[in-house]
Amino acid sequence: MKCYCCSGLLFSNCCQPLLNATEQAENCLQLMRSRYSAYCCKHIDYLVQTDHLTFTLNTQKQQALLKNQITEFANSVHFISLSISNWTEN
C-alpha cells in the first residue's frame, strides 16, 4: 500500500516505522508527513507524542484533554491528499 503522505513510497517503508516508533523523523518534512499519515490512519498516540503541547502540559488532566481534542479532530475529518510546496532542506 502506498503511504498516506503521498511520498510515492510504500507505507511500510515511509511513515509506518515512525508511527510504530521503530524510527524517528530525521527532519521536519518527515515529521509533517508522518503526522499526516497518523491522522489518516487514526494513530492518536503518535499524534499526541509528537504534538508540541505534549511537552508543555504539566498535568495528566491537561494531557488527557489534548488527547481527546486530537481524537475528536482525527475522527471528524477525512484527508484526501498532502501537498507540500516550497520545501527546501537547510
PDB file of N, CA and C in Angstrom:
ATOM      1  N   MET A   1       0.849  -1.177   0.000  1.00  0.00           N
ATOM      2  CA  MET A   1       0.000   0.000   0.000  1.00  0.00           C
ATOM      3  C   MET A   1       0.894   1.239   0.000  1.00  0.00           C
ATOM      4  N   LYS A   2       0.552   2.203  -0.855  1.00  0.00           N
ATOM      5  CA  LYS A   2       1.284   3.469  -0.903  1.00  0.00           C
ATOM      6  C   LYS A   2       1.029   4.247   0.383  1.00  0.00           C
ATOM      7  N   CYS A   3       2.018   5.031   0.768  1.00  0.00           N
ATOM      8  CA  CYS A   3       1.906   5.786   2.013  1.00  0.00           C
ATOM      9  C   CYS A   3       0.849   6.883   1.893  1.00  0.00           C
ATOM     10  N   TYR A   4       0.185   7.134   2.997  1.00  0.00           N
ATOM     11  CA  TYR A   4      -0.846   8.178   3.058  1.00  0.00           C
ATOM     12  C   TYR A   4      -0.279   9.552   2.718  1.00  0.00           C
ATOM     13  N   CYS A   5       1.011   9.763   3.011  1.00  0.00           N
ATOM     14  CA  CYS A   5       1.605  11.094   2.885  1.00  0.00           C
ATOM     15  C   CYS A   5       1.918  11.494   1.450  1.00  0.00           C
ATOM     16  N   CYS A   6       1.566  10.649   0.489  1.00  0.00           N
ATOM     17  CA  CYS A   6       1.731  10.946  -0.940  1.00  0.00           C
ATOM     18  C   CYS A   6       3.200  11.042  -1.362  1.00  0.00           C
ATOM     19  N   SER A   7       4.088  10.371  -0.643  1.00  0.00           N
ATOM     20  CA  SER A   7       5.509  10.370  -0.994  1.00  0.00           C
ATOM     21  C   SER A   7       5.795   9.488  -2.203  1.00  0.00           C
ATOM     22  N   GLY A   8       4.881   8.573  -2.491  1.00  0.00           N
ATOM     23  CA  GLY A   8       5.089   7.613  -3.554  1.00  0.00           C
ATOM     24  C   GLY A   8       5.737   6.326  -3.062  1.00  0.00           C
ATOM     25  N   LEU A   9       6.157   6.315  -1.801  1.00  0.00           N
ATOM     26  CA  LEU A   9       6.765   5.133  -1.205  1.00  0.00           C
ATOM     27  C   LEU A   9       5.705   4.243  -0.583  1.00  0.00           C
ATOM     28  N   LEU A  10       6.068   3.021  -0.316  1.00  0.00           N
ATOM     29  CA  LEU A  10       5.173   2.137   0.421  1.00  0.00           C
ATOM     30  C   LEU A  10       5.065   2.623   1.864  1.00  0.00           C
ATOM     31  N   PHE A  11       3.889   2.497   2.435  1.00  0.00           N
ATOM     32  CA  PHE A  11       3.656   2.901   3.825  1.00  0.00           C
ATOM     33  C   PHE A  11       4.667   2.224   4.746  1.00  0.00           C
ATOM     34  N   SER A  12       4.938   0.943   4.491  1.00  0.00           N
ATOM     35  CA  SER A  12       5.871   0.185   5.342  1.00  0.00           C
ATOM     36  C   SER A  12       7.301   0.702   5.252  1.00  0.00           C
ATOM     37  N   ASN A  13       7.636   1.426   4.185  1.00  0.00           N
ATOM     38  CA  ASN A  13       8.975   1.985   4.015  1.00  0.00           C
ATOM     39  C   ASN A  13       9.024   3.489   4.206  1.00  0.00           C
ATOM     40  N   CYS A  14       7.918   4.066   4.607  1.00  0.00           N
ATOM     41  CA  CYS A  14       7.844   5.522   4.711  1.00  0.00           C
ATOM     42  C   CYS A  14       7.446   5.931   6.138  1.00  0.00           C
ATOM     43  N   CYS A  15       6.182   6.096   6.378  1.00  0.00           N
ATOM     44  CA  CYS A  15       5.713   6.611   7.668  1.00  0.00           C
ATOM     45  C   CYS A  15       5.460   5.543   8.731  1.00  0.00           C
ATOM     46  N   GLN A  16       5.163   4.338   8.321  1.00  0.00           N
ATOM     47  CA  GLN A  16       4.828   3.299   9.298  1.00  0.00           C
ATOM     48  C   GLN A  16       5.920   3.090  10.357  1.00  0.00           C
ATOM     49  N   PRO A  17       7.209   3.037   9.992  1.00  0.00           N
ATOM     50  CA  PRO A  17       8.234   2.868  11.032  1.00  0.00           C
ATOM     51  C   PRO A  17       8.249   4.017  12.051  1.00  0.00           C
ATOM     52  N   LEU A  18       7.875   5.204  11.605  1.00  0.00           N
ATOM     53  CA  LEU A  18       7.796   6.337  12.531  1.00  0.00           C
ATOM     54  C   LEU A  18       6.603   6.172  13.476  1.00  0.00           C
ATOM     55  N   LEU A  19       5.467   5.795  12.910  1.00  0.00           N
ATOM     56  CA  LEU A  19       4.268   5.615  13.727  1.00  0.00           C
ATOM     57  C   LEU A  19       4.440   4.476  14.721  1.00  0.00           C
ATOM     58  N   ASN A  20       5.208   3.464  14.339  1.00  0.00           N
ATOM     59  CA  ASN A  20       5.445   2.318  15.223  1.00  0.00           C
ATOM     60  C   ASN A  20       6.616   2.540  16.176  1.00  0.00           C
ATOM     61  N   ALA A  21       7.223   3.713  16.100  1.00  0.00           N
ATOM     62  CA  ALA A  21       8.349   4.100  16.968  1.00  0.00           C
ATOM     63  C   ALA A  21       9.579   3.210  16.789  1.00  0.00           C
ATOM     64  N   THR A  22       9.741   2.632  15.599  1.00  0.00           N
ATOM     65  CA  THR A  22      10.970   1.887  15.318  1.00  0.00           C
ATOM     66  C   THR A  22      12.011   2.805  14.679  1.00  0.00           C
ATOM     67  N   GLU A  23      11.568   3.978  14.224  1.00  0.00           N
ATOM     68  CA  GLU A  23      12.451   5.016  13.688  1.00  0.00           C
ATOM     69  C   GLU A  23      11.936   6.367  14.159  1.00  0.00           C
ATOM     70  N   GLN A  24      12.807   7.378  14.098  1.00  0.00           N
ATOM     71  CA  GLN A  24      12.413   8.745  14.421  1.00  0.00           C
ATOM     72  C   GLN A  24      12.554   9.606  13.173  1.00  0.00           C
ATOM     73  N   ALA A  25      11.743  10.637  13.090  1.00  0.00           N
ATOM     74  CA  ALA A  25      11.826  11.558  11.961  1.00  0.00           C
ATOM     75  C   ALA A  25      13.195  12.226  11.954  1.00  0.00           C
ATOM     76  N   GLU A  26      13.784  12.301  10.775  1.00  0.00           N
ATOM     77  CA  GLU A  26      15.101  12.910  10.631  1.00  0.00           C
ATOM     78  C   GLU A  26      15.034  14.408  10.376  1.00  0.00           C
ATOM     79  N   ASN A  27      13.865  14.893   9.972  1.00  0.00           N
ATOM     80  CA  ASN A  27      13.712  16.327   9.700  1.00  0.00           C
ATOM     81  C   ASN A  27      12.237  16.697   9.815  1.00  0.00           C
ATOM     82  N   CYS A  28      11.974  17.980   9.690  1.00  0.00           N
ATOM     83  CA  CYS A  28      10.592  18.449   9.869  1.00  0.00           C
ATOM     84  C   CYS A  28       9.675  17.948   8.762  1.00  0.00           C
ATOM     85  N   LEU A  29      10.190  17.770   7.561  1.00  0.00           N
ATOM     86  CA  LEU A  29       9.361  17.249   6.469  1.00  0.00           C
ATOM     87  C   LEU A  29       8.891  15.836   6.781  1.00  0.00           C
ATOM     88  N   GLN A  30       9.796  15.002   7.240  1.00  0.00           N
ATOM     89  CA  GLN A  30       9.426  13.633   7.599  1.00  0.00           C
ATOM     90  C   GLN A  30       8.415  13.628   8.739  1.00  0.00           C
ATOM     91  N   LEU A  31       8.607  14.493   9.712  1.00  0.00           N
ATOM     92  CA  LEU A  31       7.672  14.583  10.834  1.00  0.00           C
ATOM     93  C   LEU A  31       6.289  15.022  10.353  1.00  0.00           C
ATOM     94  N   MET A  32       6.264  16.037   9.494  1.00  0.00           N
ATOM     95  CA  MET A  32       4.978  16.525   8.985  1.00  0.00           C
ATOM     96  C   MET A  32       4.265  15.435   8.192  1.00  0.00           C
ATOM     97  N   ARG A  33       5.006  14.742   7.338  1.00  0.00           N
ATOM     98  CA  ARG A  33       4.404  13.658   6.559  1.00  0.00           C
ATOM     99  C   ARG A  33       3.881  12.553   7.475  1.00  0.00           C
ATOM    100  N   SER A  34       4.654  12.209   8.492  1.00  0.00           N
ATOM    101  CA  SER A  34       4.237  11.131   9.389  1.00  0.00           C
ATOM    102  C   SER A  34       3.005  11.529  10.200  1.00  0.00           C
ATOM    103  N   ARG A  35       2.914  12.790  10.589  1.00  0.00           N
ATOM    104  CA  ARG A  35       1.730  13.241  11.334  1.00  0.00           C
ATOM    105  C   ARG A  35       0.498  13.212  10.421  1.00  0.00           C
ATOM    106  N   TYR A  36       0.674  13.577   9.159  1.00  0.00           N
ATOM    107  CA  TYR A  36      -0.434  13.481   8.205  1.00  0.00           C
ATOM    108  C   TYR A  36      -0.903  12.028   8.110  1.00  0.00           C
ATOM    109  N   SER A  37       0.048  11.111   7.949  1.00  0.00           N
ATOM    110  CA  SER A  37      -0.296   9.688   7.876  1.00  0.00           C
ATOM    111  C   SER A  37      -0.974   9.218   9.155  1.00  0.00           C
ATOM    112  N   ALA A  38      -0.507   9.716  10.281  1.00  0.00           N
ATOM    113  CA  ALA A  38      -1.105   9.334  11.563  1.00  0.00           C
ATOM    114  C   ALA A  38      -2.565   9.778  11.632  1.00  0.00           C
ATOM    115  N   TYR A  39      -2.864  10.969  11.136  1.00  0.00           N
ATOM    116  CA  TYR A  39      -4.265  11.406  11.101  1.00  0.00           C
ATOM    117  C   TYR A  39      -5.082  10.503  10.177  1.00  0.00           C
ATOM    118  N   CYS A  40      -4.513  10.135   9.046  1.00  0.00           N
ATOM    119  CA  CYS A  40      -5.242   9.300   8.088  1.00  0.00           C
ATOM    120  C   CYS A  40      -5.585   7.930   8.665  1.00  0.00           C
ATOM    121  N   CYS A  41      -4.678   7.363   9.429  1.00  0.00           N
ATOM    122  CA  CYS A  41      -4.946   6.025   9.969  1.00  0.00           C
ATOM    123  C   CYS A  41      -5.285   6.065  11.464  1.00  0.00           C
ATOM    124  N   LYS A  42      -5.606   7.250  11.953  1.00  0.00           N
ATOM    125  CA  LYS A  42      -6.102   7.446  13.332  1.00  0.00           C
ATOM    126  C   LYS A  42      -5.130   6.893  14.386  1.00  0.00           C
ATOM    127  N   HIS A  43      -3.847   7.170  14.189  1.00  0.00           N
ATOM    128  CA  HIS A  43      -2.819   6.741  15.146  1.00  0.00           C
ATOM    129  C   HIS A  43      -2.658   7.860  16.185  1.00  0.00           C
ATOM    130  N   ILE A  44      -3.609   7.921  17.089  1.00  0.00           N
ATOM    131  CA  ILE A  44      -3.731   9.023  18.041  1.00  0.00           C
ATOM    132  C   ILE A  44      -2.516   9.127  18.961  1.00  0.00           C
ATOM    133  N   ASP A  45      -2.014   8.029  19.448  1.00  0.00           N
ATOM    134  CA  ASP A  45      -0.872   8.078  20.365  1.00  0.00           C
ATOM    135  C   ASP A  45       0.332   8.766  19.722  1.00  0.00           C
ATOM    136  N   TYR A  46       0.586   8.487  18.458  1.00  0.00           N
ATOM    137  CA  TYR A  46       1.700   9.138  17.762  1.00  0.00           C
ATOM    138  C   TYR A  46       1.450  10.642  17.656  1.00  0.00           C
ATOM    139  N   LEU A  47       0.231  11.017  17.345  1.00  0.00           N
ATOM    140  CA  LEU A  47      -0.104  12.437  17.231  1.00  0.00           C
ATOM    141  C   LEU A  47       0.103  13.160  18.559  1.00  0.00           C
ATOM    142  N   VAL A  48      -0.290  12.519  19.636  1.00  0.00           N
ATOM    143  CA  VAL A  48      -0.100  13.121  20.960  1.00  0.00           C
ATOM    144  C   VAL A  48       1.392  13.211  21.281  1.00  0.00           C
ATOM    145  N   GLN A  49       2.115  12.153  21.025  1.00  0.00           N
ATOM    146  CA  GLN A  49       3.554  12.122  21.338  1.00  0.00           C
ATOM    147  C   GLN A  49       4.344  13.152  20.544  1.00  0.00           C
ATOM    148  N   THR A  50       3.896  13.484  19.353  1.00  0.00           N
ATOM    149  CA  THR A  50       4.637  14.428  18.515  1.00  0.00           C
ATOM    150  C   THR A  50       4.026  15.821  18.495  1.00  0.00           C
ATOM    151  N   ASP A  51       3.056  16.077  19.341  1.00  0.00           N
ATOM    152  CA  ASP A  51       2.448  17.401  19.444  1.00  0.00           C
ATOM    153  C   ASP A  51       3.300  18.259  20.371  1.00  0.00           C
ATOM    154  N   HIS A  52       3.596  19.484  19.957  1.00  0.00           N
ATOM    155  CA  HIS A  52       4.446  20.344  20.782  1.00  0.00           C
ATOM    156  C   HIS A  52       3.828  20.643  22.142  1.00  0.00           C
ATOM    157  N   LEU A  53       2.513  20.636  22.246  1.00  0.00           N
ATOM    158  CA  LEU A  53       1.866  20.905  23.530  1.00  0.00           C
ATOM    159  C   LEU A  53       2.127  19.804  24.556  1.00  0.00           C
ATOM    160  N   THR A  54       2.390  18.597  24.087  1.00  0.00           N
ATOM    161  CA  THR A  54       2.657  17.483  24.994  1.00  0.00           C
ATOM    162  C   THR A  54       3.805  17.814  25.931  1.00  0.00           C
ATOM    163  N   PHE A  55       4.763  18.597  25.448  1.00  0.00           N
ATOM    164  CA  PHE A  55       5.942  18.925  26.241  1.00  0.00           C
ATOM    165  C   PHE A  55       5.703  20.074  27.214  1.00  0.00           C
ATOM    166  N   THR A  56       4.600  20.801  27.050  1.00  0.00           N
ATOM    167  CA  THR A  56       4.340  21.939  27.920  1.00  0.00           C
ATOM    168  C   THR A  56       3.211  21.689  28.925  1.00  0.00           C
ATOM    169  N   LEU A  57       2.448  20.638  28.714  1.00  0.00           N
ATOM    170  CA  LEU A  57       1.342  20.351  29.617  1.00  0.00           C
ATOM    171  C   LEU A  57       1.872  19.645  30.862  1.00  0.00           C
ATOM    172  N   ASN A  58       1.456  20.135  32.007  1.00  0.00           N
ATOM    173  CA  ASN A  58       2.015  19.658  33.266  1.00  0.00           C
ATOM    174  C   ASN A  58       1.235  18.537  33.930  1.00  0.00           C
ATOM    175  N   THR A  59      -0.037  18.471  33.700  1.00  0.00           N
ATOM    176  CA  THR A  59      -0.847  17.501  34.430  1.00  0.00           C
ATOM    177  C   THR A  59      -1.397  16.432  33.496  1.00  0.00           C
ATOM    178  N   GLN A  60      -1.731  15.303  34.083  1.00  0.00           N
ATOM    179  CA  GLN A  60      -2.346  14.226  33.296  1.00  0.00           C
ATOM    180  C   GLN A  60      -3.693  14.670  32.751  1.00  0.00           C
ATOM    181  N   LYS A  61      -4.382  15.510  33.510  1.00  0.00           N
ATOM    182  CA  LYS A  61      -5.686  16.006  33.072  1.00  0.00           C
ATOM    183  C   LYS A  61      -5.524  16.841  31.800  1.00  0.00           C
ATOM    184  N   GLN A  62      -4.512  17.693  31.750  1.00  0.00           N
ATOM    185  CA  GLN A  62      -4.260  18.504  30.555  1.00  0.00           C
ATOM    186  C   GLN A  62      -3.879  17.615  29.371  1.00  0.00           C
ATOM    187  N   GLN A  63      -3.054  16.608  29.617  1.00  0.00           N
ATOM    188  CA  GLN A  63      -2.642  15.705  28.552  1.00  0.00           C
ATOM    189  C   GLN A  63      -3.821  14.875  28.041  1.00  0.00           C
ATOM    190  N   ALA A  64      -4.704  14.474  28.946  1.00  0.00           N
ATOM    191  CA  ALA A  64      -5.895  13.722  28.540  1.00  0.00           C
ATOM    192  C   ALA A  64      -6.813  14.601  27.698  1.00  0.00           C
ATOM    193  N   LEU A  65      -6.931  15.872  28.060  1.00  0.00           N
ATOM    194  CA  LEU A  65      -7.750  16.805  27.286  1.00  0.00           C
ATOM    195  C   LEU A  65      -7.176  16.965  25.879  1.00  0.00           C
ATOM    196  N   LEU A  66      -5.861  17.107  25.778  1.00  0.00           N
ATOM    197  CA  LEU A  66      -5.223  17.214  24.468  1.00  0.00           C
ATOM    198  C   LEU A  66      -5.490  15.971  23.636  1.00  0.00           C
ATOM    199  N   LYS A  67      -5.348  14.804  24.236  1.00  0.00           N
ATOM    200  CA  LYS A  67      -5.592  13.548  23.506  1.00  0.00           C
ATOM    201  C   LYS A  67      -7.042  13.485  23.028  1.00  0.00           C
ATOM    202  N   ASN A  68      -7.976  13.904  23.857  1.00  0.00           N
ATOM    203  CA  ASN A  68      -9.392  13.917  23.457  1.00  0.00           C
ATOM    204  C   ASN A  68      -9.629  14.866  22.288  1.00  0.00           C
ATOM    205  N   GLN A  69      -8.995  16.044  22.328  1.00  0.00           N
ATOM    206  CA  GLN A  69      -9.162  17.013  21.247  1.00  0.00           C
ATOM    207  C   GLN A  69      -8.589  16.471  19.935  1.00  0.00           C
ATOM    208  N   ILE A  70      -7.422  15.863  20.009  1.00  0.00           N
ATOM    209  CA  ILE A  70      -6.811  15.290  18.807  1.00  0.00           C
ATOM    210  C   ILE A  70      -7.676  14.157  18.267  1.00  0.00           C
ATOM    211  N   THR A  71      -8.196  13.330  19.150  1.00  0.00           N
ATOM    212  CA  THR A  71      -9.052  12.210  18.746  1.00  0.00           C
ATOM    213  C   THR A  71     -10.315  12.713  18.068  1.00  0.00           C
ATOM    214  N   GLU A  72     -10.951  13.709  18.656  1.00  0.00           N
ATOM    215  CA  GLU A  72     -12.169  14.275  18.060  1.00  0.00           C
ATOM    216  C   GLU A  72     -11.892  14.809  16.663  1.00  0.00           C
ATOM    217  N   PHE A  73     -10.792  15.549  16.524  1.00  0.00           N
ATOM    218  CA  PHE A  73     -10.463  16.110  15.219  1.00  0.00           C
ATOM    219  C   PHE A  73     -10.184  14.997  14.213  1.00  0.00           C
ATOM    220  N   ALA A  74      -9.354  14.034  14.594  1.00  0.00           N
ATOM    221  CA  ALA A  74      -8.994  12.939  13.684  1.00  0.00           C
ATOM    222  C   ALA A  74     -10.224  12.161  13.235  1.00  0.00           C
ATOM    223  N   ASN A  75     -11.171  12.005  14.114  1.00  0.00           N
ATOM    224  CA  ASN A  75     -12.382  11.255  13.782  1.00  0.00           C
ATOM    225  C   ASN A  75     -13.421  12.076  13.018  1.00  0.00           C
ATOM    226  N   SER A  76     -13.222  13.387  12.943  1.00  0.00           N
ATOM    227  CA  SER A  76     -14.222  14.235  12.286  1.00  0.00           C
ATOM    228  C   SER A  76     -13.822  14.650  10.874  1.00  0.00           C
ATOM    229  N   VAL A  77     -12.612  14.313  10.449  1.00  0.00           N
ATOM    230  CA  VAL A  77     -12.164  14.730   9.127  1.00  0.00           C
ATOM    231  C   VAL A  77     -11.759  13.516   8.290  1.00  0.00           C
ATOM    232  N   HIS A  78     -11.725  13.726   6.990  1.00  0.00           N
ATOM    233  CA  HIS A  78     -11.232  12.710   6.054  1.00  0.00           C
ATOM    234  C   HIS A  78     -10.229  13.405   5.149  1.00  0.00           C
ATOM    235  N   PHE A  79      -8.964  13.051   5.306  1.00  0.00           N
ATOM    236  CA  PHE A  79      -7.925  13.665   4.498  1.00  0.00           C
ATOM    237  C   PHE A  79      -7.869  12.996   3.135  1.00  0.00           C
ATOM    238  N   ILE A  80      -7.641  13.797   2.100  1.00  0.00           N
ATOM    239  CA  ILE A  80      -7.616  13.293   0.737  1.00  0.00           C
ATOM    240  C   ILE A  80      -6.188  13.202   0.208  1.00  0.00           C
ATOM    241  N   SER A  81      -5.398  14.228   0.434  1.00  0.00           N
ATOM    242  CA  SER A  81      -4.003  14.188  -0.017  1.00  0.00           C
ATOM    243  C   SER A  81      -3.200  15.263   0.707  1.00  0.00           C
ATOM    244  N   LEU A  82      -1.905  15.126   0.617  1.00  0.00           N
ATOM    245  CA  LEU A  82      -0.991  16.088   1.214  1.00  0.00           C
ATOM    246  C   LEU A  82      -0.205  16.732   0.087  1.00  0.00           C
ATOM    247  N   SER A  83      -0.184  18.034   0.075  1.00  0.00           N
ATOM    248  CA  SER A  83       0.575  18.776  -0.929  1.00  0.00           C
ATOM    249  C   SER A  83       1.568  19.666  -0.202  1.00  0.00           C
ATOM    250  N   ILE A  84       2.833  19.540  -0.555  1.00  0.00           N
ATOM    251  CA  ILE A  84       3.883  20.319   0.088  1.00  0.00           C
ATOM    252  C   ILE A  84       4.501  21.214  -0.970  1.00  0.00           C
ATOM    253  N   SER A  85       4.545  22.502  -0.680  1.00  0.00           N
ATOM    254  CA  SER A  85       5.120  23.430  -1.642  1.00  0.00           C
ATOM    255  C   SER A  85       6.289  24.185  -1.015  1.00  0.00           C
ATOM    256  N   ASN A  86       7.224  24.568  -1.839  1.00  0.00           N
ATOM    257  CA  ASN A  86       8.374  25.366  -1.422  1.00  0.00           C
ATOM    258  C   ASN A  86       9.197  24.721  -0.324  1.00  0.00           C
ATOM    259  N   TRP A  87       9.444  23.417  -0.426  1.00  0.00           N
ATOM    260  CA  TRP A  87      10.263  22.728   0.570  1.00  0.00           C
ATOM    261  C   TRP A  87      11.723  22.865   0.174  1.00  0.00           C
ATOM    262  N   THR A  88      12.519  23.387   1.080  1.00  0.00           N
ATOM    263  CA  THR A  88      13.967  23.401   0.896  1.00  0.00           C
ATOM    264  C   THR A  88      14.608  22.882   2.169  1.00  0.00           C
ATOM    265  N   GLU A  89      15.542  21.976   2.027  1.00  0.00           N
ATOM    266  CA  GLU A  89      16.206  21.421   3.194  1.00  0.00           C
ATOM    267  C   GLU A  89      17.406  22.288   3.520  1.00  0.00           C
ATOM    268  N   ASN A  90      17.442  22.778   4.759  1.00  0.00           N
ATOM    269  CA  ASN A  90      18.559  23.658   5.186  1.00  0.00           C
ATOM    270  C   ASN A  90      19.584  22.882   5.938  1.00  0.00           C
TER     271      ASN A  90
END
